[in-house]
Amino acid sequence: MRILELDSGNTRLKWRLRDAGDITSRGVIDNDSDVQGEVSDVLKQLAPVRQARLAIVSGQERLEMLCQVIEVQSGIPLSVVKVSDGQLGLSLAYTTIGVDRWLAMLAAHHSSAEKYKEKTKLVVSCGTAMTVDVVSGEGVHQGGFIVPGLQLMKKALSTSTAQLELIEATASEITPGWNSADCINNGVLAMVSAMINAQVDRYPEAIVCLTGGDGELLSRFVGGEWEYRPELVMDGIALAFD
C-alpha cells in the first residue's frame, strides 16, 4: 500500500512516501510557503496515495487545512496520530505530552541499533524548540526538558534587546566569540550542548538519539555515544500504526 507520512512541525512540514513498506520519496515544505498548494502538488505527483498519516504540533488551523487538501480535495483517508500511553511498551511520565515527542521516544525505544536496545535513551529533538526526554531501557519515560532551540534563542535576543541583530548564520563553535555575531552564535550553541551533556553525565550509560533540523550540528558537541536519526518522528508514525 502507498502511504503518505507527514510530520507537521512549527517550522516546516516533512513528508515521505512508504510503498509496500519501503520509503520511495521524501520532501520538506516550509511553513512560510503556500503549504496547501504544495501539499496538493505533492499528492498529484505521488498518485495514487491510498492513505495518509499525520503527526501535527503546528495548530488547529494547520490541521484543518491539511484535512481539507488531503481528505476533502484529494479523497485520501487521513489518520491523525494521537498519543497512546503504554503502546508498544512505552510508559509515559505524563499523557499530555506533545505527539512529536511521543513518536520520537517510541522510535528511539524500538528501532535503535541492536547494540543500543537495552540502553537508556536520551531522545533529543533539536527544532524550533529543543526537547530532551529520558527513556529507560525497559521503556519507562523518566521525564524531560523543553527549551528554546538555537534559532528561537537568537530571535529572542534580537527582539528583546536594542543593539543585537538577528544572526541568521549557523553556529559552528563553542569557543568565545570575537564579535557580537559569534558571541551570540557560539553562546546559544554552548548552552544547548551543555544541557544535553549534563544529561549525558547524569546517565553515563545512555545513548543520545538526536533528531530535528539542528541535530546533525549538535552531534559534534555531544559527549558519549550518540546516533543521528533525522526522521525519528516519522519512524514513530510507522510504529504507531503497527
Protein backbone atom coordinates (compact mmCIF):
# COMPACT_ATOMS: atom_id res chain seq x y z
CA MET A 1 0.00 0.00 0.00
CA ARG A 2 1.18 3.52 -0.80
CA ILE A 3 1.06 5.50 2.46
CA LEU A 4 2.00 9.17 2.87
CA GLU A 5 3.50 10.01 6.27
CA LEU A 6 3.53 13.67 7.35
CA ASP A 7 5.22 15.42 10.26
CA SER A 8 3.84 18.97 10.59
CA GLY A 9 6.13 20.93 12.91
CA ASN A 10 6.39 24.58 13.91
CA THR A 11 8.83 25.49 11.11
CA ARG A 12 8.23 23.01 8.31
CA LEU A 13 6.22 20.03 7.15
CA LYS A 14 8.17 16.88 6.34
CA TRP A 15 6.69 14.07 4.28
CA ARG A 16 7.71 10.71 2.92
CA LEU A 17 6.00 8.03 0.84
CA ARG A 18 6.01 4.44 2.06
CA ASP A 19 5.27 1.96 -0.73
CA ALA A 20 4.82 -1.66 0.38
CA GLY A 21 6.98 -0.88 3.42
CA ASP A 22 9.81 0.83 1.51
CA ILE A 23 10.42 4.59 1.60
CA THR A 24 10.47 5.68 -2.04
CA SER A 25 10.44 9.50 -1.81
CA ARG A 26 10.53 12.31 0.72
CA GLY A 27 10.46 16.09 0.92
CA VAL A 28 10.12 19.22 3.04
CA ILE A 29 7.72 22.18 2.82
CA ASP A 30 8.45 25.42 4.72
CA ASN A 31 5.55 26.72 6.80
CA ASP A 32 6.09 30.19 5.33
CA SER A 33 5.31 28.91 1.83
CA ASP A 34 1.97 28.05 0.17
CA VAL A 35 1.63 24.82 2.17
CA GLN A 36 -1.83 23.97 0.86
CA GLY A 37 -0.76 24.37 -2.75
CA GLU A 38 2.50 22.47 -2.26
CA VAL A 39 0.82 19.58 -0.45
CA SER A 40 -1.73 19.39 -3.28
CA ASP A 41 1.11 19.26 -5.82
CA VAL A 42 2.89 16.52 -3.84
CA LEU A 43 -0.28 14.41 -3.75
CA LYS A 44 -0.67 14.73 -7.51
CA GLN A 45 2.97 13.80 -8.12
CA LEU A 46 2.77 10.77 -5.83
CA ALA A 47 -0.60 9.47 -7.02
CA PRO A 48 -2.02 7.05 -6.27
CA VAL A 49 -1.75 7.52 -2.50
CA ARG A 50 -4.07 5.16 -0.65
CA GLN A 51 -3.72 6.51 2.86
CA ALA A 52 -2.15 9.44 4.77
CA ARG A 53 -0.93 9.55 8.36
CA LEU A 54 -0.26 12.86 10.11
CA ALA A 55 1.57 13.93 13.26
CA ILE A 56 0.96 17.62 13.93
CA VAL A 57 2.04 20.17 16.55
CA SER A 58 1.52 23.28 14.40
CA GLY A 59 -2.02 24.15 15.48
CA GLN A 60 -5.69 23.62 14.74
CA GLU A 61 -5.78 25.93 11.73
CA ARG A 62 -2.97 23.99 10.04
CA LEU A 63 -4.70 20.70 10.89
CA GLU A 64 -7.96 21.85 9.29
CA MET A 65 -6.12 22.98 6.17
CA LEU A 66 -4.33 19.65 5.79
CA CYS A 67 -7.58 17.74 6.32
CA GLN A 68 -9.17 19.88 3.61
CA VAL A 69 -6.47 19.31 0.99
CA ILE A 70 -5.84 15.62 1.77
CA GLU A 71 -9.28 14.24 2.63
CA VAL A 72 -11.77 16.61 1.03
CA GLN A 73 -9.96 17.70 -2.14
CA SER A 74 -7.90 14.57 -2.81
CA GLY A 75 -10.19 11.92 -1.31
CA ILE A 76 -7.38 10.25 0.64
CA PRO A 77 -8.25 8.82 4.08
CA LEU A 78 -6.26 10.72 6.72
CA SER A 79 -5.37 9.35 10.17
CA VAL A 80 -4.12 11.85 12.76
CA VAL A 81 -1.72 10.36 15.30
CA LYS A 82 -2.77 10.56 18.96
CA VAL A 83 -0.59 9.91 21.99
CA SER A 84 -1.24 6.47 23.48
CA ASP A 85 0.34 5.71 26.84
CA GLY A 86 1.64 2.15 27.05
CA GLN A 87 1.68 1.50 23.31
CA LEU A 88 4.46 -0.88 22.30
CA GLY A 89 5.62 -0.96 25.91
CA LEU A 90 6.43 2.77 26.22
CA SER A 91 5.14 4.10 29.55
CA LEU A 92 4.83 7.89 29.70
CA ALA A 93 5.61 10.16 32.64
CA TYR A 94 2.50 12.21 31.72
CA THR A 95 -0.10 11.84 28.97
CA THR A 96 -0.41 15.47 27.80
CA ILE A 97 3.00 15.23 26.12
CA GLY A 98 3.34 16.51 22.54
CA VAL A 99 2.75 13.88 19.87
CA ASP A 100 6.13 14.60 18.26
CA ARG A 101 7.98 13.84 21.50
CA TRP A 102 5.99 10.65 21.98
CA LEU A 103 6.69 9.43 18.46
CA ALA A 104 10.40 10.21 18.76
CA MET A 105 10.59 8.25 22.01
CA LEU A 106 8.61 5.38 20.50
CA ALA A 107 11.02 5.15 17.56
CA ALA A 108 14.13 5.55 19.70
CA HIS A 109 12.98 2.81 22.07
CA HIS A 110 12.05 0.32 19.35
CA SER A 111 14.27 0.96 16.35
CA SER A 112 17.71 1.90 17.57
CA ALA A 113 20.71 -0.17 16.54
CA GLU A 114 20.74 -3.62 18.17
CA LYS A 115 23.66 -2.76 20.44
CA TYR A 116 21.62 0.10 21.93
CA LYS A 117 18.39 -1.84 22.57
CA GLU A 118 18.82 -2.22 26.34
CA LYS A 119 20.35 1.20 26.94
CA THR A 120 18.69 4.27 28.40
CA LYS A 121 17.79 6.68 25.57
CA LEU A 122 18.27 10.43 25.74
CA VAL A 123 15.90 11.48 22.96
CA VAL A 124 16.90 14.96 21.79
CA SER A 125 14.80 16.82 19.23
CA CYS A 126 16.58 19.95 18.00
CA GLY A 127 14.00 22.06 16.19
CA THR A 128 12.17 25.33 16.89
CA ALA A 129 12.10 24.13 20.47
CA MET A 130 14.62 21.67 21.82
CA THR A 131 13.32 18.76 23.86
CA VAL A 132 15.24 16.15 25.82
CA ASP A 133 13.41 13.06 27.06
CA VAL A 134 14.83 10.20 29.12
CA VAL A 135 13.57 6.68 28.36
CA SER A 136 14.88 3.70 30.30
CA GLY A 137 15.93 0.51 28.55
CA GLU A 138 12.65 -1.02 29.77
CA GLY A 139 10.62 1.68 28.04
CA VAL A 140 9.77 3.89 31.03
CA HIS A 141 9.73 7.62 30.30
CA GLN A 142 11.52 9.34 33.16
CA GLY A 143 10.63 12.93 32.26
CA GLY A 144 12.24 15.55 30.11
CA PHE A 145 13.01 19.16 29.29
CA ILE A 146 11.69 21.78 26.85
CA VAL A 147 13.77 24.86 26.00
CA PRO A 148 14.04 27.24 23.03
CA GLY A 149 16.02 25.89 20.09
CA LEU A 150 19.05 27.63 18.60
CA GLN A 151 17.16 29.90 16.20
CA LEU A 152 14.47 30.75 18.74
CA MET A 153 17.08 31.83 21.28
CA LYS A 154 18.72 34.07 18.69
CA LYS A 155 15.35 35.58 17.78
CA ALA A 156 14.66 36.27 21.46
CA LEU A 157 17.91 38.23 21.74
CA SER A 158 17.18 40.27 18.62
CA THR A 159 13.59 41.14 19.59
CA SER A 160 14.22 41.83 23.28
CA THR A 161 17.37 43.93 23.04
CA ALA A 162 18.04 47.19 21.23
CA GLN A 163 21.52 46.54 19.86
CA LEU A 164 21.69 42.85 18.99
CA GLU A 165 20.79 41.85 15.44
CA LEU A 166 19.20 38.57 14.40
CA ILE A 167 22.06 36.26 13.41
CA GLU A 168 20.98 34.01 10.55
CA ALA A 169 24.30 32.19 10.14
CA THR A 170 24.63 28.70 11.57
CA ALA A 171 26.74 28.37 14.68
CA SER A 172 29.79 26.15 14.41
CA GLU A 173 31.93 26.54 17.55
CA ILE A 174 31.51 26.81 21.31
CA THR A 175 34.66 28.87 21.82
CA PRO A 176 34.41 32.53 22.95
CA GLY A 177 33.48 34.86 20.09
CA TRP A 178 35.45 37.90 18.89
CA ASN A 179 32.43 39.85 17.67
CA SER A 180 28.76 40.10 18.65
CA ALA A 181 27.56 37.70 15.96
CA ASP A 182 29.99 34.97 17.02
CA CYS A 183 29.29 35.61 20.71
CA ILE A 184 25.58 35.00 20.09
CA ASN A 185 26.06 32.04 17.78
CA ASN A 186 28.66 30.32 19.90
CA GLY A 187 26.81 31.19 23.10
CA VAL A 188 23.48 29.57 22.19
CA LEU A 189 25.29 26.53 20.81
CA ALA A 190 27.26 26.23 24.05
CA MET A 191 24.03 26.46 26.07
CA VAL A 192 22.14 23.69 24.31
CA SER A 193 25.25 21.49 24.13
CA ALA A 194 25.80 21.92 27.86
CA MET A 195 22.19 20.97 28.57
CA ILE A 196 22.47 17.75 26.59
CA ASN A 197 25.84 16.89 28.09
CA ALA A 198 24.53 17.48 31.62
CA GLN A 199 22.14 14.60 31.00
CA VAL A 200 24.91 12.53 29.41
CA ASP A 201 26.82 12.98 32.67
CA ARG A 202 23.73 12.05 34.68
CA TYR A 203 23.07 8.94 32.59
CA PRO A 204 26.57 7.84 31.51
CA GLU A 205 25.29 4.51 30.17
CA ALA A 206 22.77 6.18 27.84
CA ILE A 207 22.74 6.55 24.07
CA VAL A 208 21.81 10.01 22.77
CA CYS A 209 19.24 9.83 19.93
CA LEU A 210 19.41 13.12 18.02
CA THR A 211 16.79 14.34 15.57
CA GLY A 212 15.50 17.66 14.21
CA GLY A 213 16.99 20.33 11.98
CA ASP A 214 19.93 21.10 14.27
CA GLY A 215 20.56 17.52 15.34
CA GLU A 216 23.46 16.88 12.99
CA LEU A 217 25.18 20.10 14.08
CA LEU A 218 24.79 19.24 17.77
CA SER A 219 26.15 15.74 17.26
CA ARG A 220 29.63 17.31 17.02
CA PHE A 221 29.38 18.57 20.59
CA VAL A 222 27.64 15.68 22.35
CA GLY A 223 29.67 13.51 24.68
CA GLY A 224 29.26 9.76 24.99
CA GLU A 225 27.54 7.53 22.45
CA TRP A 226 25.03 9.01 20.02
CA GLU A 227 23.12 8.34 16.83
CA TYR A 228 21.60 10.87 14.45
CA ARG A 229 18.10 9.95 13.26
CA PRO A 230 16.71 12.79 11.07
CA GLU A 231 13.33 11.07 10.55
CA LEU A 232 12.78 9.80 14.08
CA VAL A 233 9.26 11.26 14.35
CA MET A 234 8.15 9.69 11.08
CA ASP A 235 9.74 6.41 12.10
CA GLY A 236 7.45 6.70 15.12
CA ILE A 237 4.42 7.29 12.88
CA ALA A 238 5.03 3.96 11.17
CA LEU A 239 5.34 2.22 14.56
CA ALA A 240 2.20 3.89 15.95
CA PHE A 241 0.09 2.13 13.33
CA ASP A 242 1.70 -1.32 13.66
